[in-house]
Amino acid sequence: MIIASDHGEVRYLRMARTAFGRALYWTGVYFVDGLLIDTGPPNVRREVARLFAELGVRQCVTTHHHEDHSGNHALLSALGITPLGHASGVARLAAPPPMRDLYRRVTWGSPAPARVAPIGDVLETPAHRFEIIHTPGHADDHVALFEADRGWLFTGDLYLAPRLKVLRDDEDVHAMIVSLRRLVALAPAVVFCQHRGALDDGAELLRRKLEFLVELGGRIAALRERGLGEEEIARALPGDDLMWRLWTGGHFAKRHFVRAFLRPDGREERPEGRSAS
């Protein structure tokens, strides 16, 4: 399923695999002035292939390597287009690792190998100039795109929501905070989130997410000083993550906030082959 909507010059293409008429998990891509930002999940490739041909895509940037964002790179080769991504993610984008998680195969599907080239600091279209900003945290190869003249900020998956209930086991929360500070300082007029669409109050929402993470880190540190273990701290955090843990086999959970904040560099050992989403 693909649903299109426009925010001025920017077209948002919301897409998802459906089951019994319901979307399993919405994601989206953006199209502006011949530029495609992300390509969507591979399990909607048939609809996406027709769409790419109709849009007149001339360039493509991928915000990060997760399959719900990079899953249709191979379709662009037929149009003579090589997608661009951050240099640290090019190898994974060109040769995706084996997908071992059932929920990922069901929700998004497995991407095909495709050639990807490293992107520079700036990308120009006929009418716009985009600054490419490395914004690790959600993924180490994550980038955002900023069009200063219009105040447009395309944030990939760095925003998602002002308050997160769970964290993935491979996210770097310390890097995420640094990246959010960098984007908040831009004071964007509009934030384009891949999963939430256009947000006219996006600058404020980015600030609120930053504040939430800083406060959460302080709360976790205080609970640790009281002698609580990781699981005890996770249970003390707000919200119920049971369904997330069951569906994703523990890939998404509150305890990953605890582990990430308690590690000085915010990183933990990443399970082999785990890369998305």
Protein backbone atom coordinates (compact mmCIF):
# COMPACT_ATOMS: atom_id res chain seq x y z
CA MET A 1 0.00 0.00 0.00
CA ILE A 2 1.27 3.48 -0.88
CA ILE A 3 -0.45 6.74 0.08
CA ALA A 4 0.82 10.03 -1.39
CA SER A 5 0.46 13.50 0.14
CA ASP A 6 2.07 16.85 -0.65
CA HIS A 7 3.63 19.48 1.59
CA GLY A 8 4.29 22.27 -0.86
CA GLU A 9 6.97 21.05 -3.26
CA VAL A 10 7.69 17.96 -1.19
CA ARG A 11 5.76 14.75 -1.82
CA TYR A 12 5.48 12.20 0.98
CA LEU A 13 4.94 8.59 -0.06
CA ARG A 14 3.75 6.58 2.92
CA MET A 15 4.03 2.85 2.40
CA ALA A 16 3.59 -0.46 4.18
CA ARG A 17 2.90 -4.11 3.70
CA THR A 18 -0.68 -4.95 4.62
CA ALA A 19 -2.32 -7.93 6.26
CA PHE A 20 -6.13 -8.27 6.28
CA GLY A 21 -6.31 -4.71 4.99
CA ARG A 22 -4.20 -3.22 7.78
CA ALA A 23 -0.67 -1.81 7.52
CA LEU A 24 1.92 -3.76 9.50
CA TYR A 25 4.25 -0.79 10.00
CA TRP A 26 4.15 2.53 8.14
CA THR A 27 7.33 4.01 6.75
CA GLY A 28 7.82 6.55 3.98
CA VAL A 29 10.02 8.19 1.40
CA TYR A 30 10.17 11.76 0.11
CA PHE A 31 10.42 13.12 -3.41
CA VAL A 32 11.35 16.69 -4.29
CA ASP A 33 12.80 18.20 -7.48
CA GLY A 34 13.82 14.83 -8.92
CA LEU A 35 15.43 13.69 -5.64
CA LEU A 36 14.21 10.57 -3.88
CA ILE A 37 15.04 10.37 -0.17
CA ASP A 38 15.02 6.65 0.75
CA THR A 39 13.43 3.88 -1.30
CA GLY A 40 11.15 2.09 1.16
CA PRO A 41 10.83 -1.56 2.22
CA PRO A 42 11.44 -4.34 -0.31
CA ASN A 43 8.10 -6.05 0.23
CA VAL A 44 6.31 -3.22 -1.62
CA ARG A 45 8.74 -3.35 -4.56
CA ARG A 46 6.08 -3.91 -7.23
CA GLU A 47 4.16 -0.76 -6.33
CA VAL A 48 7.41 1.15 -5.82
CA ALA A 49 8.78 0.12 -9.24
CA ARG A 50 5.76 1.66 -10.99
CA LEU A 51 5.99 4.74 -8.81
CA PHE A 52 9.67 5.39 -9.52
CA ALA A 53 9.04 5.23 -13.25
CA GLU A 54 6.12 7.66 -12.98
CA LEU A 55 7.90 10.18 -10.74
CA GLY A 56 10.89 10.80 -12.97
CA VAL A 57 13.51 10.13 -10.31
CA ARG A 58 16.93 11.56 -11.16
CA GLN A 59 18.81 11.16 -7.87
CA CYS A 60 18.47 9.16 -4.65
CA VAL A 61 19.87 9.56 -1.14
CA THR A 62 19.46 6.90 1.52
CA THR A 63 19.35 8.15 5.10
CA HIS A 64 20.66 4.84 6.50
CA HIS A 65 21.05 1.17 5.72
CA HIS A 66 17.96 -0.28 7.45
CA GLU A 67 15.83 -2.24 4.99
CA ASP A 68 12.67 -0.17 5.42
CA HIS A 69 14.68 2.76 4.03
CA SER A 70 17.05 1.12 1.56
CA GLY A 71 15.05 -1.89 0.41
CA ASN A 72 14.46 -0.89 -3.22
CA HIS A 73 17.88 0.27 -4.36
CA ALA A 74 18.04 -2.44 -6.99
CA LEU A 75 15.02 -0.97 -8.77
CA LEU A 76 16.90 2.26 -9.43
CA SER A 77 19.62 0.58 -11.49
CA ALA A 78 17.05 0.02 -14.26
CA LEU A 79 16.64 3.81 -14.33
CA GLY A 80 20.38 4.37 -14.50
CA ILE A 81 20.52 5.78 -10.95
CA THR A 82 23.10 4.86 -8.30
CA PRO A 83 21.78 5.61 -4.78
CA LEU A 84 24.00 7.62 -2.47
CA GLY A 85 24.64 6.92 1.22
CA HIS A 86 27.12 7.69 3.97
CA ALA A 87 30.53 6.14 3.33
CA SER A 88 30.34 4.04 6.52
CA GLY A 89 27.23 2.28 5.24
CA VAL A 90 28.09 1.72 1.58
CA ALA A 91 29.32 -1.87 2.04
CA ARG A 92 26.21 -2.92 3.98
CA LEU A 93 23.94 -1.20 1.48
CA ALA A 94 25.63 -2.89 -1.48
CA ALA A 95 25.64 -6.36 0.13
CA PRO A 96 22.99 -6.60 2.88
CA PRO A 97 23.83 -9.19 5.58
CA PRO A 98 21.60 -12.25 6.00
CA MET A 99 18.32 -11.41 7.72
CA ARG A 100 17.76 -13.68 10.69
CA ASP A 101 14.89 -11.87 12.41
CA LEU A 102 11.44 -13.22 11.52
CA TYR A 103 9.66 -9.96 12.35
CA ARG A 104 11.85 -8.06 9.90
CA ARG A 105 11.25 -10.55 7.10
CA VAL A 106 7.50 -10.35 7.70
CA THR A 107 7.25 -6.57 8.13
CA TRP A 108 9.74 -5.28 5.55
CA GLY A 109 11.30 -8.13 3.59
CA SER A 110 14.87 -8.80 2.45
CA PRO A 111 16.59 -6.25 0.18
CA ALA A 112 18.51 -7.31 -2.92
CA PRO A 113 22.18 -6.34 -3.35
CA ALA A 114 22.68 -3.08 -5.25
CA ARG A 115 25.52 -0.69 -6.01
CA VAL A 116 25.65 2.37 -3.73
CA ALA A 117 28.09 5.30 -3.90
CA PRO A 118 29.32 7.47 -1.01
CA ILE A 119 27.72 10.86 -0.72
CA GLY A 120 29.56 14.14 -0.23
CA ASP A 121 28.81 17.06 2.08
CA VAL A 122 26.39 18.73 -0.35
CA LEU A 123 23.85 17.49 -2.87
CA GLU A 124 22.35 19.80 -5.48
CA THR A 125 19.18 19.42 -7.52
CA PRO A 126 18.11 21.88 -10.24
CA ALA A 127 16.31 24.08 -7.70
CA HIS A 128 17.74 23.17 -4.29
CA ARG A 129 20.96 22.70 -2.35
CA PHE A 130 20.96 20.12 0.46
CA GLU A 131 23.56 19.96 3.21
CA ILE A 132 24.32 16.34 4.11
CA ILE A 133 24.73 16.00 7.88
CA HIS A 134 26.13 12.86 9.47
CA THR A 135 23.77 12.10 12.37
CA PRO A 136 24.73 8.77 13.98
CA GLY A 137 22.76 7.30 16.86
CA HIS A 138 19.85 5.46 15.33
CA ALA A 139 22.42 3.96 12.95
CA ASP A 140 26.11 4.73 12.56
CA ASP A 141 25.68 5.61 8.87
CA HIS A 142 22.61 7.81 9.41
CA VAL A 143 22.45 11.16 7.59
CA ALA A 144 20.00 14.07 7.58
CA LEU A 145 19.43 16.53 4.72
CA PHE A 146 19.03 20.27 5.31
CA GLU A 147 17.84 22.77 2.71
CA ALA A 148 18.72 26.08 4.38
CA ASP A 149 16.83 28.42 2.02
CA ARG A 150 13.53 26.64 2.73
CA GLY A 151 14.32 25.50 6.25
CA TRP A 152 13.58 21.89 5.27
CA LEU A 153 15.15 19.21 7.44
CA PHE A 154 14.80 15.54 6.42
CA THR A 155 15.59 13.56 9.56
CA GLY A 156 15.28 9.93 8.46
CA ASP A 157 14.74 7.99 11.70
CA LEU A 158 16.46 10.36 14.09
CA TYR A 159 13.19 11.87 15.35
CA LEU A 160 10.41 9.20 15.31
CA ALA A 161 8.68 10.56 18.44
CA PRO A 162 9.36 13.04 21.25
CA ARG A 163 9.31 10.22 23.82
CA LEU A 164 10.51 6.74 22.96
CA LYS A 165 9.11 3.71 24.77
CA VAL A 166 11.83 1.29 23.65
CA LEU A 167 15.31 1.32 22.13
CA ARG A 168 16.88 -1.09 19.66
CA ASP A 169 19.79 -3.16 20.90
CA ASP A 170 22.24 -1.59 18.42
CA GLU A 171 21.43 2.11 18.91
CA ASP A 172 23.98 4.53 20.35
CA VAL A 173 22.00 6.86 22.59
CA HIS A 174 24.99 9.11 23.35
CA ALA A 175 25.60 9.71 19.64
CA MET A 176 21.85 10.25 19.21
CA ILE A 177 21.91 13.07 21.74
CA VAL A 178 24.85 14.74 19.99
CA SER A 179 23.09 14.42 16.62
CA LEU A 180 19.84 15.86 17.99
CA ARG A 181 21.71 18.86 19.43
CA ARG A 182 23.24 19.48 16.03
CA LEU A 183 19.84 19.42 14.31
CA VAL A 184 18.08 21.51 16.96
CA ALA A 185 20.72 24.21 16.41
CA LEU A 186 19.62 24.47 12.76
CA ALA A 187 16.16 25.74 13.86
CA PRO A 188 14.39 24.13 10.87
CA ALA A 189 11.08 25.51 9.63
CA VAL A 190 9.75 22.04 8.75
CA VAL A 191 10.95 18.60 9.81
CA PHE A 192 10.24 15.73 7.44
CA CYS A 193 10.22 12.46 9.39
CA GLN A 194 10.23 9.24 7.43
CA HIS A 195 7.57 7.68 9.66
CA ARG A 196 5.56 10.73 10.80
CA GLY A 197 5.45 12.89 7.69
CA ALA A 198 5.85 16.69 7.60
CA LEU A 199 6.00 18.35 11.03
CA ASP A 200 5.57 22.12 11.06
CA ASP A 201 6.42 22.09 14.78
CA GLY A 202 9.35 19.78 14.14
CA ALA A 203 12.01 22.05 15.66
CA GLU A 204 10.16 21.99 18.98
CA LEU A 205 9.57 18.24 18.74
CA LEU A 206 13.28 17.61 18.14
CA ARG A 207 14.07 19.72 21.21
CA ARG A 208 11.56 17.77 23.28
CA LYS A 209 13.07 14.45 22.23
CA LEU A 210 16.53 15.74 23.15
CA GLU A 211 15.28 16.82 26.58
CA PHE A 212 13.55 13.48 27.08
CA LEU A 213 16.74 11.52 26.40
CA VAL A 214 18.87 13.73 28.65
CA GLU A 215 16.32 13.42 31.48
CA LEU A 216 16.02 9.67 30.96
CA GLY A 217 19.78 9.28 31.15
CA GLY A 218 19.80 11.18 34.44
CA ARG A 219 17.00 9.03 35.83
CA ILE A 220 18.80 5.82 34.91
CA ALA A 221 22.04 7.06 36.48
CA ALA A 222 20.19 7.95 39.70
CA LEU A 223 18.58 4.49 39.89
CA ARG A 224 21.98 2.88 39.33
CA GLU A 225 23.46 4.92 42.19
CA ARG A 226 20.73 3.48 44.41
CA GLY A 227 22.13 0.03 43.65
CA LEU A 228 19.51 -1.21 41.18
CA GLY A 229 20.53 -3.69 38.49
CA GLU A 230 19.82 -3.29 34.78
CA GLU A 231 16.58 -5.29 34.80
CA GLU A 232 15.32 -3.52 37.92
CA ILE A 233 16.00 -0.13 36.35
CA ALA A 234 14.24 -1.18 33.13
CA ARG A 235 11.14 -2.22 35.09
CA ALA A 236 11.17 1.14 36.88
CA LEU A 237 11.04 3.06 33.60
CA PRO A 238 7.60 4.16 32.37
CA GLY A 239 5.61 2.12 29.86
CA ASP A 240 5.12 -1.55 29.07
CA ASP A 241 7.45 -3.07 26.48
CA LEU A 242 6.21 -6.68 26.66
CA MET A 243 4.67 -6.76 23.18
CA TRP A 244 7.75 -5.13 21.63
CA ARG A 245 10.03 -7.70 23.29
CA LEU A 246 7.89 -10.64 22.24
CA TRP A 247 7.39 -9.53 18.63
CA THR A 248 11.05 -8.59 18.03
CA GLY A 249 12.72 -11.29 20.12
CA GLY A 250 14.13 -8.64 22.45
CA HIS A 251 15.54 -6.47 19.66
CA PHE A 252 13.35 -3.61 20.93
CA ALA A 253 13.15 -3.20 24.72
CA LYS A 254 13.36 -0.71 27.58
CA ARG A 255 16.44 -2.45 28.95
CA HIS A 256 18.48 -1.26 25.95
CA PHE A 257 18.06 2.31 27.22
CA VAL A 258 19.62 1.20 30.49
CA ARG A 259 22.53 -0.63 28.88
CA ALA A 260 23.20 2.21 26.43
CA PHE A 261 23.22 4.95 29.07
CA LEU A 262 25.31 2.95 31.55
CA ARG A 263 28.04 2.34 29.00
CA PRO A 264 30.36 5.35 28.74
CA ASP A 265 30.41 5.27 24.92
CA GLY A 266 26.78 4.24 24.57
CA ARG A 267 27.58 1.12 22.59
CA GLU A 268 27.14 -2.55 23.29
CA GLU A 269 28.16 -5.64 21.40
CA ARG A 270 25.96 -5.95 18.30
CA PRO A 271 24.53 -9.37 17.49
CA GLU A 272 26.03 -10.80 14.31
CA GLY A 273 23.96 -10.01 11.24
CA ARG A 274 21.66 -7.56 13.07
CA SER A 275 21.28 -4.34 11.15
CA ALA A 276 17.76 -2.96 10.98
CA SER A 277 15.15 -1.44 11.22
